[in-house]
Amino acid sequence: MALKKLVIGGGAVGFNWLPVVVAQRQGLFANHGLEIEIKRLGAVDKVTAAVKAGELDIAITPPEGAIRDCAAGGNLRIISGNVNRLPLSLIAHPRFKAIEELKGAKLGTSSLTEGTALYTMEVLRQHGLHYPGDYEFAVVGVHPARWKALQEGTIDAAVQLIPLNFVAIDAGWPNLGEVTDYIPEIVFTALIADKDWAAAHRTEIVAFLRGVIEATRWVYDSANDDALVALTTEITQAEGKYGRQALVYMREKAVFPRDLAIPPVAFTKSLELMQKAGLADDALVAGAGAVLDDSYRAEAAKA
């Protein structure tokens, strides 16, 4: 029987994609009758637009774009979680020794309206620094681009995804703080789709989510570490030792939800940070729950 094809995309295919890559390489998607094409678009704003345009079937991306789209009457929906704990460190130029010293600095982000900018604002806010008065953002791209910009000196600091945070620390760049210490749970990345497309392709979505759930179990099993380190090295372009560090970090912080669920506290925190950043008013927050369609994930988890 011919496999049904799904096109999945994101800004970058980083560590948060590990369960999806595992499912693809271990044949779990094929077992469920699927062929998966992965696309890298380079920026989270482009990803949200690509789902709306029908260029992607499913995206793994920060949730804020889908939340705003749904609130404005659009079709984007969040169909499952991906990462609910932030595997990010605030990495800075060596001349900075504390977060308070970032006053007047330029911080890198992938978007001004989704993801990293909101987390950065919250961390700095808790140290008395506020945007835009106390520092500025430069939209330089997703995590590999932020690390490159740090090294080139075009930005002063940026939140950095595992394992590139470990690479930076070993290279002498200070870690000013673990973002999870400031934001214990939040919807970092989620799976989004167009609601009409999803309704017409329910069987494929449930099969896809089943494969990811199975792969997530595989990722948490240390018996698979040799293969996981090799995959992490390939995905992140970091050396093997950093892959092992990333796996330890992932398991200690339970980065991947085993059933792909989004806890209410995580979704509430995402809305809170959107509101603090001026990206959501009271009306949007009140109606934001409409973006969540948990039926696909629940069916996959039950199966």
C-alpha atoms as a PDB file:
ATOM      1  CA  MET A   1       0.000   0.000   0.000  1.00  0.00           C
ATOM      2  CA  ALA A   2       1.344   3.446  -0.950  1.00  0.00           C
ATOM      3  CA  LEU A   3       2.412   5.708   1.896  1.00  0.00           C
ATOM      4  CA  LYS A   4       0.503   8.937   2.431  1.00  0.00           C
ATOM      5  CA  LYS A   5       2.769  11.990   2.388  1.00  0.00           C
ATOM      6  CA  LEU A   6       2.798  14.778   4.976  1.00  0.00           C
ATOM      7  CA  VAL A   7       4.925  17.917   4.694  1.00  0.00           C
ATOM      8  CA  ILE A   8       6.182  19.051   8.113  1.00  0.00           C
ATOM      9  CA  GLY A   9       8.150  22.248   8.647  1.00  0.00           C
ATOM     10  CA  GLY A  10       9.782  24.587  11.121  1.00  0.00           C
ATOM     11  CA  GLY A  11      12.074  27.570  11.337  1.00  0.00           C
ATOM     12  CA  ALA A  12      14.950  25.203  11.993  1.00  0.00           C
ATOM     13  CA  VAL A  13      15.182  21.505  12.661  1.00  0.00           C
ATOM     14  CA  GLY A  14      16.870  21.631  16.046  1.00  0.00           C
ATOM     15  CA  PHE A  15      16.896  19.512  19.174  1.00  0.00           C
ATOM     16  CA  ASN A  16      13.135  19.883  19.666  1.00  0.00           C
ATOM     17  CA  TRP A  17      12.689  17.874  16.455  1.00  0.00           C
ATOM     18  CA  LEU A  18      14.441  14.817  17.895  1.00  0.00           C
ATOM     19  CA  PRO A  19      11.291  12.662  18.355  1.00  0.00           C
ATOM     20  CA  VAL A  20      10.154  13.437  14.798  1.00  0.00           C
ATOM     21  CA  VAL A  21      13.546  12.551  13.318  1.00  0.00           C
ATOM     22  CA  VAL A  22      13.644   9.372  15.423  1.00  0.00           C
ATOM     23  CA  ALA A  23      10.190   8.385  14.178  1.00  0.00           C
ATOM     24  CA  GLN A  24      11.300   8.948  10.614  1.00  0.00           C
ATOM     25  CA  ARG A  25      14.618   7.085  10.897  1.00  0.00           C
ATOM     26  CA  GLN A  26      13.226   4.187  12.945  1.00  0.00           C
ATOM     27  CA  GLY A  27      10.438   3.593  10.460  1.00  0.00           C
ATOM     28  CA  LEU A  28       7.683   4.469  12.914  1.00  0.00           C
ATOM     29  CA  PHE A  29       5.922   6.791  10.475  1.00  0.00           C
ATOM     30  CA  ALA A  30       6.178   4.189   7.727  1.00  0.00           C
ATOM     31  CA  ASN A  31       4.654   1.651  10.109  1.00  0.00           C
ATOM     32  CA  HIS A  32       1.641   3.938  10.311  1.00  0.00           C
ATOM     33  CA  GLY A  33       1.413   4.367   6.546  1.00  0.00           C
ATOM     34  CA  LEU A  34       3.118   7.751   6.298  1.00  0.00           C
ATOM     35  CA  GLU A  35       5.935   9.319   4.330  1.00  0.00           C
ATOM     36  CA  ILE A  36       7.270  12.522   5.922  1.00  0.00           C
ATOM     37  CA  GLU A  37       8.966  15.415   4.146  1.00  0.00           C
ATOM     38  CA  ILE A  38      10.711  17.899   6.448  1.00  0.00           C
ATOM     39  CA  LYS A  39      11.188  21.530   5.397  1.00  0.00           C
ATOM     40  CA  ARG A  40      13.353  24.176   7.092  1.00  0.00           C
ATOM     41  CA  LEU A  41      12.106  27.725   6.509  1.00  0.00           C
ATOM     42  CA  GLY A  42      14.656  29.679   8.560  1.00  0.00           C
ATOM     43  CA  ALA A  43      12.234  31.877  10.526  1.00  0.00           C
ATOM     44  CA  VAL A  44       9.208  31.158  12.712  1.00  0.00           C
ATOM     45  CA  ASP A  45       7.113  33.905  11.101  1.00  0.00           C
ATOM     46  CA  LYS A  46       7.564  32.189   7.724  1.00  0.00           C
ATOM     47  CA  VAL A  47       6.409  28.894   9.230  1.00  0.00           C
ATOM     48  CA  THR A  48       3.082  30.269  10.436  1.00  0.00           C
ATOM     49  CA  ALA A  49       2.498  31.871   7.040  1.00  0.00           C
ATOM     50  CA  ALA A  50       3.387  28.622   5.247  1.00  0.00           C
ATOM     51  CA  VAL A  51       0.722  26.662   7.140  1.00  0.00           C
ATOM     52  CA  LYS A  52      -1.865  29.317   6.303  1.00  0.00           C
ATOM     53  CA  ALA A  53      -0.833  29.194   2.650  1.00  0.00           C
ATOM     54  CA  GLY A  54      -1.051  25.390   2.497  1.00  0.00           C
ATOM     55  CA  GLU A  55       2.676  24.999   1.856  1.00  0.00           C
ATOM     56  CA  LEU A  56       3.050  22.968   5.070  1.00  0.00           C
ATOM     57  CA  ASP A  57       0.612  20.411   6.413  1.00  0.00           C
ATOM     58  CA  ILE A  58       1.882  20.615   9.993  1.00  0.00           C
ATOM     59  CA  ALA A  59       4.393  22.961  11.601  1.00  0.00           C
ATOM     60  CA  ILE A  60       6.484  22.579  14.731  1.00  0.00           C
ATOM     61  CA  THR A  61       6.844  26.148  15.903  1.00  0.00           C
ATOM     62  CA  PRO A  62       6.109  28.580  18.755  1.00  0.00           C
ATOM     63  CA  PRO A  63       2.355  28.901  19.380  1.00  0.00           C
ATOM     64  CA  GLU A  64       1.896  32.654  19.404  1.00  0.00           C
ATOM     65  CA  GLY A  65       1.252  33.026  15.669  1.00  0.00           C
ATOM     66  CA  ALA A  66      -1.493  30.403  15.743  1.00  0.00           C
ATOM     67  CA  ILE A  67      -3.045  31.999  18.826  1.00  0.00           C
ATOM     68  CA  ARG A  68      -3.230  35.412  17.160  1.00  0.00           C
ATOM     69  CA  ASP A  69      -4.525  33.917  13.914  1.00  0.00           C
ATOM     70  CA  CYS A  70      -7.318  32.022  15.649  1.00  0.00           C
ATOM     71  CA  ALA A  71      -8.288  35.072  17.698  1.00  0.00           C
ATOM     72  CA  ALA A  72      -8.596  37.058  14.464  1.00  0.00           C
ATOM     73  CA  GLY A  73     -10.942  34.444  13.006  1.00  0.00           C
ATOM     74  CA  GLY A  74      -8.297  32.430  11.158  1.00  0.00           C
ATOM     75  CA  ASN A  75      -8.042  28.673  10.702  1.00  0.00           C
ATOM     76  CA  LEU A  76      -4.806  27.874  12.532  1.00  0.00           C
ATOM     77  CA  ARG A  77      -5.098  25.452  15.437  1.00  0.00           C
ATOM     78  CA  ILE A  78      -2.699  23.874  17.922  1.00  0.00           C
ATOM     79  CA  ILE A  79      -3.117  20.100  17.665  1.00  0.00           C
ATOM     80  CA  SER A  80      -0.500  18.949  20.194  1.00  0.00           C
ATOM     81  CA  GLY A  81       2.462  19.957  22.258  1.00  0.00           C
ATOM     82  CA  ASN A  82       6.117  19.480  21.383  1.00  0.00           C
ATOM     83  CA  VAL A  83       8.169  21.113  24.164  1.00  0.00           C
ATOM     84  CA  ASN A  84       6.676  22.585  27.362  1.00  0.00           C
ATOM     85  CA  ARG A  85       9.953  23.297  29.189  1.00  0.00           C
ATOM     86  CA  LEU A  86      12.482  25.721  27.779  1.00  0.00           C
ATOM     87  CA  PRO A  87      15.819  24.047  26.929  1.00  0.00           C
ATOM     88  CA  LEU A  88      17.443  27.471  26.658  1.00  0.00           C
ATOM     89  CA  SER A  89      20.314  29.354  28.280  1.00  0.00           C
ATOM     90  CA  LEU A  90      20.955  33.097  28.090  1.00  0.00           C
ATOM     91  CA  ILE A  91      24.402  33.225  26.484  1.00  0.00           C
ATOM     92  CA  ALA A  92      26.267  36.542  26.401  1.00  0.00           C
ATOM     93  CA  HIS A  93      29.508  38.086  25.205  1.00  0.00           C
ATOM     94  CA  PRO A  94      32.288  37.483  27.780  1.00  0.00           C
ATOM     95  CA  ARG A  95      32.288  41.149  28.805  1.00  0.00           C
ATOM     96  CA  PHE A  96      28.889  40.617  30.464  1.00  0.00           C
ATOM     97  CA  LYS A  97      28.926  38.956  33.881  1.00  0.00           C
ATOM     98  CA  ALA A  98      25.325  39.494  35.014  1.00  0.00           C
ATOM     99  CA  ILE A  99      21.935  40.079  33.428  1.00  0.00           C
ATOM    100  CA  GLU A 100      21.745  43.590  34.896  1.00  0.00           C
ATOM    101  CA  GLU A 101      24.762  44.513  32.754  1.00  0.00           C
ATOM    102  CA  LEU A 102      22.697  43.978  29.585  1.00  0.00           C
ATOM    103  CA  LYS A 103      21.184  47.451  29.885  1.00  0.00           C
ATOM    104  CA  GLY A 104      21.784  49.094  26.515  1.00  0.00           C
ATOM    105  CA  ALA A 105      22.689  45.780  24.880  1.00  0.00           C
ATOM    106  CA  LYS A 106      21.467  44.279  21.613  1.00  0.00           C
ATOM    107  CA  LEU A 107      19.876  40.852  22.007  1.00  0.00           C
ATOM    108  CA  GLY A 108      19.280  38.376  19.229  1.00  0.00           C
ATOM    109  CA  THR A 109      15.915  36.794  18.474  1.00  0.00           C
ATOM    110  CA  SER A 110      14.149  34.883  15.726  1.00  0.00           C
ATOM    111  CA  SER A 111      11.009  37.035  15.875  1.00  0.00           C
ATOM    112  CA  LEU A 112       9.663  40.060  17.711  1.00  0.00           C
ATOM    113  CA  THR A 113       6.229  38.481  18.128  1.00  0.00           C
ATOM    114  CA  GLU A 114       6.876  34.787  18.812  1.00  0.00           C
ATOM    115  CA  GLY A 115       9.096  32.602  20.947  1.00  0.00           C
ATOM    116  CA  THR A 116      12.544  33.814  21.951  1.00  0.00           C
ATOM    117  CA  ALA A 117      11.784  37.515  22.255  1.00  0.00           C
ATOM    118  CA  LEU A 118       8.993  36.852  24.763  1.00  0.00           C
ATOM    119  CA  TYR A 119      11.194  34.594  26.906  1.00  0.00           C
ATOM    120  CA  THR A 120      14.061  37.075  26.789  1.00  0.00           C
ATOM    121  CA  MET A 121      11.753  39.903  27.847  1.00  0.00           C
ATOM    122  CA  GLU A 122      10.536  37.898  30.836  1.00  0.00           C
ATOM    123  CA  VAL A 123      14.030  36.956  32.035  1.00  0.00           C
ATOM    124  CA  LEU A 124      15.293  40.527  31.776  1.00  0.00           C
ATOM    125  CA  ARG A 125      12.072  41.910  33.267  1.00  0.00           C
ATOM    126  CA  GLN A 126      12.763  39.913  36.425  1.00  0.00           C
ATOM    127  CA  HIS A 127      16.099  41.741  36.659  1.00  0.00           C
ATOM    128  CA  GLY A 128      14.548  45.187  36.249  1.00  0.00           C
ATOM    129  CA  LEU A 129      15.237  45.614  32.521  1.00  0.00           C
ATOM    130  CA  HIS A 130      12.337  46.414  30.207  1.00  0.00           C
ATOM    131  CA  TYR A 131      11.868  46.445  26.446  1.00  0.00           C
ATOM    132  CA  PRO A 132      12.218  48.674  24.491  1.00  0.00           C
ATOM    133  CA  GLY A 133      13.681  51.273  26.816  1.00  0.00           C
ATOM    134  CA  ASP A 134      16.542  49.300  28.383  1.00  0.00           C
ATOM    135  CA  TYR A 135      17.777  47.170  25.458  1.00  0.00           C
ATOM    136  CA  GLU A 136      17.047  46.401  21.823  1.00  0.00           C
ATOM    137  CA  PHE A 137      16.401  43.307  19.719  1.00  0.00           C
ATOM    138  CA  ALA A 138      17.971  42.264  16.441  1.00  0.00           C
ATOM    139  CA  VAL A 139      15.997  39.706  14.416  1.00  0.00           C
ATOM    140  CA  VAL A 140      18.879  37.481  13.342  1.00  0.00           C
ATOM    141  CA  GLY A 141      17.130  34.114  13.006  1.00  0.00           C
ATOM    142  CA  VAL A 142      16.793  30.802  14.797  1.00  0.00           C
ATOM    143  CA  HIS A 143      19.357  29.274  17.170  1.00  0.00           C
ATOM    144  CA  PRO A 144      22.234  28.504  14.736  1.00  0.00           C
ATOM    145  CA  ALA A 145      21.976  32.041  13.348  1.00  0.00           C
ATOM    146  CA  ARG A 146      21.946  33.500  16.875  1.00  0.00           C
ATOM    147  CA  TRP A 147      25.130  31.623  17.789  1.00  0.00           C
ATOM    148  CA  LYS A 148      26.773  32.838  14.566  1.00  0.00           C
ATOM    149  CA  ALA A 149      25.703  36.420  15.298  1.00  0.00           C
ATOM    150  CA  LEU A 150      27.130  36.186  18.828  1.00  0.00           C
ATOM    151  CA  GLN A 151      30.467  35.001  17.473  1.00  0.00           C
ATOM    152  CA  GLU A 152      30.510  37.740  14.839  1.00  0.00           C
ATOM    153  CA  GLY A 153      29.724  40.399  17.452  1.00  0.00           C
ATOM    154  CA  THR A 154      26.561  41.712  15.795  1.00  0.00           C
ATOM    155  CA  ILE A 155      24.586  40.958  18.970  1.00  0.00           C
ATOM    156  CA  ASP A 156      25.561  40.992  22.646  1.00  0.00           C
ATOM    157  CA  ALA A 157      23.471  38.116  23.989  1.00  0.00           C
ATOM    158  CA  ALA A 158      20.730  35.663  23.054  1.00  0.00           C
ATOM    159  CA  VAL A 159      18.851  32.712  24.483  1.00  0.00           C
ATOM    160  CA  GLN A 160      20.441  29.602  23.019  1.00  0.00           C
ATOM    161  CA  LEU A 161      18.991  26.136  22.508  1.00  0.00           C
ATOM    162  CA  ILE A 162      20.686  22.938  23.669  1.00  0.00           C
ATOM    163  CA  PRO A 163      23.293  21.758  22.728  1.00  0.00           C
ATOM    164  CA  LEU A 164      24.662  24.984  21.232  1.00  0.00           C
ATOM    165  CA  ASN A 165      24.472  26.520  24.710  1.00  0.00           C
ATOM    166  CA  PHE A 166      27.007  23.926  25.892  1.00  0.00           C
ATOM    167  CA  VAL A 167      29.209  24.650  22.871  1.00  0.00           C
ATOM    168  CA  ALA A 168      29.130  28.369  23.712  1.00  0.00           C
ATOM    169  CA  ILE A 169      29.912  27.837  27.396  1.00  0.00           C
ATOM    170  CA  ASP A 170      32.931  25.677  26.552  1.00  0.00           C
ATOM    171  CA  ALA A 171      34.094  28.402  24.161  1.00  0.00           C
ATOM    172  CA  GLY A 172      34.146  30.909  27.026  1.00  0.00           C
ATOM    173  CA  TRP A 173      30.783  32.582  26.571  1.00  0.00           C
ATOM    174  CA  PRO A 174      29.054  33.029  29.945  1.00  0.00           C
ATOM    175  CA  ASN A 175      25.669  31.519  30.704  1.00  0.00           C
ATOM    176  CA  LEU A 176      23.793  34.288  32.500  1.00  0.00           C
ATOM    177  CA  GLY A 177      20.870  32.053  33.397  1.00  0.00           C
ATOM    178  CA  GLU A 178      18.747  29.022  32.592  1.00  0.00           C
ATOM    179  CA  VAL A 179      15.447  30.200  31.170  1.00  0.00           C
ATOM    180  CA  THR A 180      13.556  27.405  32.964  1.00  0.00           C
ATOM    181  CA  ASP A 181      14.547  29.009  36.271  1.00  0.00           C
ATOM    182  CA  TYR A 182      12.428  32.014  35.251  1.00  0.00           C
ATOM    183  CA  ILE A 183       9.718  30.246  33.253  1.00  0.00           C
ATOM    184  CA  PRO A 184       9.233  26.685  34.570  1.00  0.00           C
ATOM    185  CA  GLU A 185       6.503  25.702  32.071  1.00  0.00           C
ATOM    186  CA  ILE A 186       5.368  27.296  28.845  1.00  0.00           C
ATOM    187  CA  VAL A 187       4.405  26.219  25.328  1.00  0.00           C
ATOM    188  CA  PHE A 188       7.844  26.579  23.738  1.00  0.00           C
ATOM    189  CA  THR A 189       6.934  24.785  20.533  1.00  0.00           C
ATOM    190  CA  ALA A 190       3.736  23.065  19.436  1.00  0.00           C
ATOM    191  CA  LEU A 191       2.267  21.367  16.391  1.00  0.00           C
ATOM    192  CA  ILE A 192      -0.066  23.606  14.407  1.00  0.00           C
ATOM    193  CA  ALA A 193      -2.267  22.941  11.393  1.00  0.00           C
ATOM    194  CA  ASP A 194      -5.122  24.486   9.413  1.00  0.00           C
ATOM    195  CA  LYS A 195      -8.378  23.294  10.964  1.00  0.00           C
ATOM    196  CA  ASP A 196     -10.092  22.561   7.636  1.00  0.00           C
ATOM    197  CA  TRP A 197      -7.106  20.633   6.289  1.00  0.00           C
ATOM    198  CA  ALA A 198      -6.822  18.764   9.587  1.00  0.00           C
ATOM    199  CA  ALA A 199     -10.485  17.761   9.565  1.00  0.00           C
ATOM    200  CA  ALA A 200     -10.060  16.340   6.074  1.00  0.00           C
ATOM    201  CA  HIS A 201      -6.888  14.438   7.022  1.00  0.00           C
ATOM    202  CA  ARG A 202      -7.729  13.203  10.497  1.00  0.00           C
ATOM    203  CA  THR A 203      -6.456   9.676   9.911  1.00  0.00           C
ATOM    204  CA  GLU A 204      -3.035  10.924   8.784  1.00  0.00           C
ATOM    205  CA  ILE A 205      -2.707  13.365  11.682  1.00  0.00           C
ATOM    206  CA  VAL A 206      -3.552  10.719  14.273  1.00  0.00           C
ATOM    207  CA  ALA A 207      -1.080   8.323  12.634  1.00  0.00           C
ATOM    208  CA  PHE A 208       1.603  11.036  12.682  1.00  0.00           C
ATOM    209  CA  LEU A 209       1.029  11.792  16.352  1.00  0.00           C
ATOM    210  CA  ARG A 210       1.082   8.083  17.197  1.00  0.00           C
ATOM    211  CA  GLY A 211       4.502   7.844  15.572  1.00  0.00           C
ATOM    212  CA  VAL A 212       5.788  10.848  17.538  1.00  0.00           C
ATOM    213  CA  ILE A 213       4.464   9.443  20.837  1.00  0.00           C
ATOM    214  CA  GLU A 214       6.202   6.126  20.143  1.00  0.00           C
ATOM    215  CA  ALA A 215       9.406   7.963  19.228  1.00  0.00           C
ATOM    216  CA  THR A 216       9.239  10.052  22.405  1.00  0.00           C
ATOM    217  CA  ARG A 217       9.241   6.860  24.471  1.00  0.00           C
ATOM    218  CA  TRP A 218      12.271   5.734  22.453  1.00  0.00           C
ATOM    219  CA  VAL A 219      14.043   9.048  23.169  1.00  0.00           C
ATOM    220  CA  TYR A 220      13.580   8.639  26.926  1.00  0.00           C
ATOM    221  CA  ASP A 221      15.106   5.137  26.890  1.00  0.00           C
ATOM    222  CA  SER A 222      18.843   5.430  27.662  1.00  0.00           C
ATOM    223  CA  ALA A 223      19.407   2.065  25.960  1.00  0.00           C
ATOM    224  CA  ASN A 224      19.120   4.011  22.686  1.00  0.00           C
ATOM    225  CA  ASP A 225      21.724   6.640  23.553  1.00  0.00           C
ATOM    226  CA  ASP A 226      24.335   5.693  20.953  1.00  0.00           C
ATOM    227  CA  ALA A 227      21.837   6.173  18.147  1.00  0.00           C
ATOM    228  CA  LEU A 228      20.385   9.270  19.814  1.00  0.00           C
ATOM    229  CA  VAL A 229      23.791  10.923  20.163  1.00  0.00           C
ATOM    230  CA  ALA A 230      24.474  10.302  16.476  1.00  0.00           C
ATOM    231  CA  LEU A 231      21.119  11.827  15.529  1.00  0.00           C
ATOM    232  CA  THR A 232      21.603  14.795  17.854  1.00  0.00           C
ATOM    233  CA  THR A 233      25.022  15.440  16.339  1.00  0.00           C
ATOM    234  CA  GLU A 234      23.503  15.346  12.852  1.00  0.00           C
ATOM    235  CA  ILE A 235      20.539  17.581  13.713  1.00  0.00           C
ATOM    236  CA  THR A 236      22.428  20.206  15.693  1.00  0.00           C
ATOM    237  CA  GLN A 237      25.860  20.044  14.039  1.00  0.00           C
ATOM    238  CA  ALA A 238      27.415  19.774  17.516  1.00  0.00           C
ATOM    239  CA  GLU A 239      30.003  17.205  18.556  1.00  0.00           C
ATOM    240  CA  GLY A 240      29.053  13.943  20.212  1.00  0.00           C
ATOM    241  CA  LYS A 241      29.819  15.006  23.769  1.00  0.00           C
ATOM    242  CA  TYR A 242      27.387  17.883  23.411  1.00  0.00           C
ATOM    243  CA  GLY A 243      24.759  15.488  22.166  1.00  0.00           C
ATOM    244  CA  ARG A 244      25.121  13.463  25.367  1.00  0.00           C
ATOM    245  CA  GLN A 245      24.874  16.627  27.446  1.00  0.00           C
ATOM    246  CA  ALA A 246      21.694  17.548  25.606  1.00  0.00           C
ATOM    247  CA  LEU A 247      20.157  14.126  26.280  1.00  0.00           C
ATOM    248  CA  VAL A 248      20.936  14.370  30.006  1.00  0.00           C
ATOM    249  CA  TYR A 249      19.452  17.877  30.133  1.00  0.00           C
ATOM    250  CA  MET A 250      16.367  16.731  28.193  1.00  0.00           C
ATOM    251  CA  ARG A 251      15.639  13.871  30.572  1.00  0.00           C
ATOM    252  CA  GLU A 252      16.347  15.818  33.759  1.00  0.00           C
ATOM    253  CA  LYS A 253      13.953  18.589  32.749  1.00  0.00           C
ATOM    254  CA  ALA A 254      11.419  16.299  30.982  1.00  0.00           C
ATOM    255  CA  VAL A 255      11.639  18.536  27.930  1.00  0.00           C
ATOM    256  CA  PHE A 256       9.382  16.357  25.753  1.00  0.00           C
ATOM    257  CA  PRO A 257       5.873  15.539  27.039  1.00  0.00           C
ATOM    258  CA  ARG A 258       5.500  11.782  26.710  1.00  0.00           C
ATOM    259  CA  ASP A 259       1.878  12.052  25.553  1.00  0.00           C
ATOM    260  CA  LEU A 260       2.354  15.368  23.653  1.00  0.00           C
ATOM    261  CA  ALA A 261      -0.131  17.088  25.978  1.00  0.00           C
ATOM    262  CA  ILE A 262      -0.014  20.814  26.727  1.00  0.00           C
ATOM    263  CA  PRO A 263      -0.603  21.444  30.464  1.00  0.00           C
ATOM    264  CA  PRO A 264      -3.041  24.306  31.181  1.00  0.00           C
ATOM    265  CA  VAL A 265      -0.361  26.088  33.229  1.00  0.00           C
ATOM    266  CA  ALA A 266       1.974  26.098  30.216  1.00  0.00           C
ATOM    267  CA  PHE A 267      -0.666  27.561  27.896  1.00  0.00           C
ATOM    268  CA  THR A 268      -1.622  30.169  30.491  1.00  0.00           C
ATOM    269  CA  LYS A 269       2.024  31.244  30.792  1.00  0.00           C
ATOM    270  CA  SER A 270       2.273  31.671  27.013  1.00  0.00           C
ATOM    271  CA  LEU A 271      -0.751  33.967  27.087  1.00  0.00           C
ATOM    272  CA  GLU A 272       0.653  35.872  30.065  1.00  0.00           C
ATOM    273  CA  LEU A 273       3.918  36.628  28.268  1.00  0.00           C
ATOM    274  CA  MET A 274       2.079  37.646  25.103  1.00  0.00           C
ATOM    275  CA  GLN A 275       0.032  40.071  27.181  1.00  0.00           C
ATOM    276  CA  LYS A 276       3.106  41.473  28.948  1.00  0.00           C
ATOM    277  CA  ALA A 277       4.738  42.045  25.559  1.00  0.00           C
ATOM    278  CA  GLY A 278       1.698  43.939  24.292  1.00  0.00           C
ATOM    279  CA  LEU A 279       0.809  41.190  21.816  1.00  0.00           C
ATOM    280  CA  ALA A 280      -2.500  40.178  23.383  1.00  0.00           C
ATOM    281  CA  ASP A 281      -5.361  42.154  24.877  1.00  0.00           C
ATOM    282  CA  ASP A 282      -7.924  40.900  27.397  1.00  0.00           C
ATOM    283  CA  ALA A 283     -10.319  39.821  24.659  1.00  0.00           C
ATOM    284  CA  LEU A 284      -7.672  37.709  22.921  1.00  0.00           C
ATOM    285  CA  VAL A 285      -6.679  36.052  26.191  1.00  0.00           C
ATOM    286  CA  ALA A 286     -10.306  35.318  27.061  1.00  0.00           C
ATOM    287  CA  GLY A 287     -10.946  33.561  23.763  1.00  0.00           C
ATOM    288  CA  ALA A 288      -7.521  32.015  23.223  1.00  0.00           C
ATOM    289  CA  GLY A 289      -8.586  28.538  24.299  1.00  0.00           C
ATOM    290  CA  ALA A 290     -10.350  28.124  20.940  1.00  0.00           C
ATOM    291  CA  VAL A 291      -6.961  27.590  19.294  1.00  0.00           C
ATOM    292  CA  LEU A 292      -6.502  24.282  21.126  1.00  0.00           C
ATOM    293  CA  ASP A 293      -7.870  21.189  19.399  1.00  0.00           C
ATOM    294  CA  ASP A 294      -6.739  18.267  21.537  1.00  0.00           C
ATOM    295  CA  SER A 295      -8.919  15.673  19.835  1.00  0.00           C
ATOM    296  CA  TYR A 296      -6.229  14.411  17.460  1.00  0.00           C
ATOM    297  CA  ARG A 297      -3.641  13.995  20.201  1.00  0.00           C
ATOM    298  CA  ALA A 298      -6.130  12.350  22.555  1.00  0.00           C
ATOM    299  CA  GLU A 299      -7.083   9.819  19.899  1.00  0.00           C
ATOM    300  CA  ALA A 300      -3.428   9.082  19.133  1.00  0.00           C
ATOM    301  CA  ALA A 301      -2.542   8.693  22.825  1.00  0.00           C
ATOM    302  CA  LYS A 302      -5.474   6.353  23.378  1.00  0.00           C
ATOM    303  CA  ALA A 303      -4.439   4.215  20.414  1.00  0.00           C
END
